[in-house]
Amino acid sequence: MFLLAGGASARLASLLGSLQVDEKRMGRNLELTGGLIMAEHVMTMLAERTGILNARKLVDAVVAKAADDHRSFAELVQEDPEIKRHLAAKDLAGAFDPSTYLGSNGALIDAALGHYRATKDYAREL
């Protein structure tokens, strides 16, 4: 297993070494979701004001409507009277900018680093 993991890591390092990021293309791809990529962010913002269960219900309803009506999630969120009752236009203005919201990434990175450090310390003891 160790050799397989090492081989996979070497291959990944080789692939990532030649990775080129096209920010404009990434932005266009994110726009193709009609704002759906930011549904978690909208739900998090709503949850602070309405509780997680109600926020989830509101966002799920708009997601379903966006799919049924073939409309933009972002537009429908900004039109939804119940969401507008809880989130002001200024709050929603930045809600659909993926560069301002990283979701749970911070917690996931902290957990991975903590695991790495614990493993590294354990390896030293051996």
C-alpha atoms as a PDB file:
ATOM      1  CA  MET A   1       0.000   0.000   0.000  1.00  0.00           C
ATOM      2  CA  PHE A   2       2.887   2.326   0.821  1.00  0.00           C
ATOM      3  CA  LEU A   3       4.405   1.837  -2.644  1.00  0.00           C
ATOM      4  CA  LEU A   4       1.059   2.482  -4.328  1.00  0.00           C
ATOM      5  CA  ALA A   5       0.533   5.648  -2.298  1.00  0.00           C
ATOM      6  CA  GLY A   6       4.059   6.798  -3.151  1.00  0.00           C
ATOM      7  CA  GLY A   7       3.503   6.123  -6.836  1.00  0.00           C
ATOM      8  CA  ALA A   8       0.190   7.967  -6.803  1.00  0.00           C
ATOM      9  CA  SER A   9       1.803  10.914  -5.025  1.00  0.00           C
ATOM     10  CA  ALA A  10       4.642  11.052  -7.541  1.00  0.00           C
ATOM     11  CA  ARG A  11       2.192  10.948 -10.442  1.00  0.00           C
ATOM     12  CA  LEU A  12       0.074  13.667  -8.874  1.00  0.00           C
ATOM     13  CA  ALA A  13       3.125  15.871  -8.289  1.00  0.00           C
ATOM     14  CA  SER A  14       4.090  15.390 -11.942  1.00  0.00           C
ATOM     15  CA  LEU A  15       0.609  16.351 -13.148  1.00  0.00           C
ATOM     16  CA  LEU A  16       0.268  19.340 -10.850  1.00  0.00           C
ATOM     17  CA  GLY A  17       3.685  20.620 -11.855  1.00  0.00           C
ATOM     18  CA  SER A  18       2.396  21.336 -15.356  1.00  0.00           C
ATOM     19  CA  LEU A  19      -1.046  22.580 -14.316  1.00  0.00           C
ATOM     20  CA  GLN A  20      -1.984  25.923 -15.810  1.00  0.00           C
ATOM     21  CA  VAL A  21      -4.852  27.867 -14.273  1.00  0.00           C
ATOM     22  CA  ASP A  22      -7.062  29.798 -16.676  1.00  0.00           C
ATOM     23  CA  GLU A  23      -8.927  32.165 -14.350  1.00  0.00           C
ATOM     24  CA  LYS A  24     -11.162  33.574 -17.087  1.00  0.00           C
ATOM     25  CA  ARG A  25     -12.227  30.096 -18.180  1.00  0.00           C
ATOM     26  CA  MET A  26     -12.846  29.085 -14.573  1.00  0.00           C
ATOM     27  CA  GLY A  27     -15.042  32.160 -14.145  1.00  0.00           C
ATOM     28  CA  ARG A  28     -17.026  31.344 -17.290  1.00  0.00           C
ATOM     29  CA  ASN A  29     -17.523  27.774 -16.086  1.00  0.00           C
ATOM     30  CA  LEU A  30     -18.790  28.989 -12.715  1.00  0.00           C
ATOM     31  CA  GLU A  31     -21.197  31.375 -14.450  1.00  0.00           C
ATOM     32  CA  LEU A  32     -22.702  28.408 -16.307  1.00  0.00           C
ATOM     33  CA  THR A  33     -24.260  27.277 -13.007  1.00  0.00           C
ATOM     34  CA  GLY A  34     -26.454  30.381 -12.877  1.00  0.00           C
ATOM     35  CA  GLY A  35     -25.312  30.962  -9.325  1.00  0.00           C
ATOM     36  CA  LEU A  36     -26.048  27.422  -8.108  1.00  0.00           C
ATOM     37  CA  ILE A  37     -22.428  27.030  -7.082  1.00  0.00           C
ATOM     38  CA  MET A  38     -23.154  29.591  -4.369  1.00  0.00           C
ATOM     39  CA  ALA A  39     -26.296  27.940  -2.953  1.00  0.00           C
ATOM     40  CA  GLU A  40     -24.395  26.862   0.172  1.00  0.00           C
ATOM     41  CA  HIS A  41     -23.292  30.441   0.777  1.00  0.00           C
ATOM     42  CA  VAL A  42     -26.829  31.776   0.422  1.00  0.00           C
ATOM     43  CA  MET A  43     -28.068  29.064   2.776  1.00  0.00           C
ATOM     44  CA  THR A  44     -25.359  29.906   5.327  1.00  0.00           C
ATOM     45  CA  MET A  45     -26.282  33.573   5.197  1.00  0.00           C
ATOM     46  CA  LEU A  46     -29.970  32.749   5.643  1.00  0.00           C
ATOM     47  CA  ALA A  47     -29.270  30.269   8.442  1.00  0.00           C
ATOM     48  CA  GLU A  48     -27.755  33.060  10.544  1.00  0.00           C
ATOM     49  CA  ARG A  49     -31.135  34.794  10.462  1.00  0.00           C
ATOM     50  CA  THR A  50     -33.723  32.033  10.116  1.00  0.00           C
ATOM     51  CA  GLY A  51     -32.099  28.844  11.420  1.00  0.00           C
ATOM     52  CA  ILE A  52     -30.602  26.085   9.313  1.00  0.00           C
ATOM     53  CA  LEU A  53     -33.812  24.128   8.670  1.00  0.00           C
ATOM     54  CA  ASN A  54     -35.748  27.107   7.345  1.00  0.00           C
ATOM     55  CA  ALA A  55     -32.739  28.296   5.327  1.00  0.00           C
ATOM     56  CA  ARG A  56     -32.412  24.865   3.742  1.00  0.00           C
ATOM     57  CA  LYS A  57     -36.117  24.808   2.891  1.00  0.00           C
ATOM     58  CA  LEU A  58     -35.969  28.263   1.275  1.00  0.00           C
ATOM     59  CA  VAL A  59     -32.843  27.531  -0.762  1.00  0.00           C
ATOM     60  CA  ASP A  60     -34.062  24.084  -1.845  1.00  0.00           C
ATOM     61  CA  ALA A  61     -37.296  25.642  -3.120  1.00  0.00           C
ATOM     62  CA  VAL A  62     -35.393  28.181  -5.210  1.00  0.00           C
ATOM     63  CA  VAL A  63     -33.014  25.500  -6.540  1.00  0.00           C
ATOM     64  CA  ALA A  64     -36.014  23.417  -7.643  1.00  0.00           C
ATOM     65  CA  LYS A  65     -37.681  26.448  -9.258  1.00  0.00           C
ATOM     66  CA  ALA A  66     -34.469  27.323 -11.104  1.00  0.00           C
ATOM     67  CA  ALA A  67     -34.324  23.793 -12.517  1.00  0.00           C
ATOM     68  CA  ASP A  68     -38.036  23.665 -13.376  1.00  0.00           C
ATOM     69  CA  ASP A  69     -38.153  27.109 -14.977  1.00  0.00           C
ATOM     70  CA  HIS A  70     -34.667  26.962 -16.552  1.00  0.00           C
ATOM     71  CA  ARG A  71     -33.806  30.236 -14.873  1.00  0.00           C
ATOM     72  CA  SER A  72     -30.817  31.548 -12.986  1.00  0.00           C
ATOM     73  CA  PHE A  73     -30.657  30.617  -9.309  1.00  0.00           C
ATOM     74  CA  ALA A  74     -29.075  34.005  -8.575  1.00  0.00           C
ATOM     75  CA  GLU A  75     -31.962  35.881 -10.208  1.00  0.00           C
ATOM     76  CA  LEU A  76     -34.594  33.805  -8.452  1.00  0.00           C
ATOM     77  CA  VAL A  77     -32.940  34.293  -5.058  1.00  0.00           C
ATOM     78  CA  GLN A  78     -32.987  38.043  -5.571  1.00  0.00           C
ATOM     79  CA  GLU A  79     -36.675  37.891  -6.554  1.00  0.00           C
ATOM     80  CA  ASP A  80     -37.836  35.560  -3.772  1.00  0.00           C
ATOM     81  CA  PRO A  81     -39.941  37.567  -1.280  1.00  0.00           C
ATOM     82  CA  GLU A  82     -39.202  35.282   1.680  1.00  0.00           C
ATOM     83  CA  ILE A  83     -35.445  35.430   1.113  1.00  0.00           C
ATOM     84  CA  LYS A  84     -35.600  39.197   0.586  1.00  0.00           C
ATOM     85  CA  ARG A  85     -37.429  39.459   3.908  1.00  0.00           C
ATOM     86  CA  HIS A  86     -34.331  38.050   5.645  1.00  0.00           C
ATOM     87  CA  LEU A  87     -31.482  39.252   3.434  1.00  0.00           C
ATOM     88  CA  ALA A  88     -31.161  42.838   2.240  1.00  0.00           C
ATOM     89  CA  ALA A  89     -30.099  43.617  -1.318  1.00  0.00           C
ATOM     90  CA  LYS A  90     -26.680  44.703  -0.037  1.00  0.00           C
ATOM     91  CA  ASP A  91     -26.257  41.297   1.659  1.00  0.00           C
ATOM     92  CA  LEU A  92     -27.151  39.493  -1.551  1.00  0.00           C
ATOM     93  CA  ALA A  93     -24.902  41.701  -3.681  1.00  0.00           C
ATOM     94  CA  GLY A  94     -21.776  39.732  -2.774  1.00  0.00           C
ATOM     95  CA  ALA A  95     -23.466  36.402  -2.149  1.00  0.00           C
ATOM     96  CA  PHE A  96     -22.765  35.163  -5.667  1.00  0.00           C
ATOM     97  CA  ASP A  97     -19.067  35.981  -5.895  1.00  0.00           C
ATOM     98  CA  PRO A  98     -17.197  32.666  -5.558  1.00  0.00           C
ATOM     99  CA  SER A  99     -13.959  34.468  -4.740  1.00  0.00           C
ATOM    100  CA  THR A 100     -15.430  35.707  -1.443  1.00  0.00           C
ATOM    101  CA  TYR A 101     -16.670  32.391  -0.070  1.00  0.00           C
ATOM    102  CA  LEU A 102     -14.619  29.295   0.619  1.00  0.00           C
ATOM    103  CA  GLY A 103     -17.256  27.271   2.470  1.00  0.00           C
ATOM    104  CA  SER A 104     -15.755  24.753   4.866  1.00  0.00           C
ATOM    105  CA  ASN A 105     -12.292  24.823   3.298  1.00  0.00           C
ATOM    106  CA  GLY A 106     -10.680  26.425   6.349  1.00  0.00           C
ATOM    107  CA  ALA A 107     -11.971  23.727   8.690  1.00  0.00           C
ATOM    108  CA  LEU A 108     -11.020  20.949   6.263  1.00  0.00           C
ATOM    109  CA  ILE A 109      -7.499  22.318   5.842  1.00  0.00           C
ATOM    110  CA  ASP A 110      -7.091  22.692   9.604  1.00  0.00           C
ATOM    111  CA  ALA A 111      -8.230  19.086  10.122  1.00  0.00           C
ATOM    112  CA  ALA A 112      -5.849  17.786   7.444  1.00  0.00           C
ATOM    113  CA  LEU A 113      -2.929  19.736   8.916  1.00  0.00           C
ATOM    114  CA  GLY A 114      -3.789  18.525  12.414  1.00  0.00           C
ATOM    115  CA  HIS A 115      -3.839  14.929  11.191  1.00  0.00           C
ATOM    116  CA  TYR A 116      -0.541  15.436   9.375  1.00  0.00           C
ATOM    117  CA  ARG A 117       1.105  16.936  12.452  1.00  0.00           C
ATOM    118  CA  ALA A 118      -0.184  14.146  14.693  1.00  0.00           C
ATOM    119  CA  THR A 119       1.088  11.528  12.245  1.00  0.00           C
ATOM    120  CA  LYS A 120       4.433  13.283  11.909  1.00  0.00           C
ATOM    121  CA  ASP A 121       4.809  13.423  15.714  1.00  0.00           C
ATOM    122  CA  TYR A 122       3.824   9.762  15.976  1.00  0.00           C
ATOM    123  CA  ALA A 123       6.402   8.808  13.341  1.00  0.00           C
ATOM    124  CA  ARG A 124       9.129  10.607  15.316  1.00  0.00           C
ATOM    125  CA  GLU A 125       8.279   8.551  18.402  1.00  0.00           C
ATOM    126  CA  LEU A 126       8.879   5.344  16.473  1.00  0.00           C
END
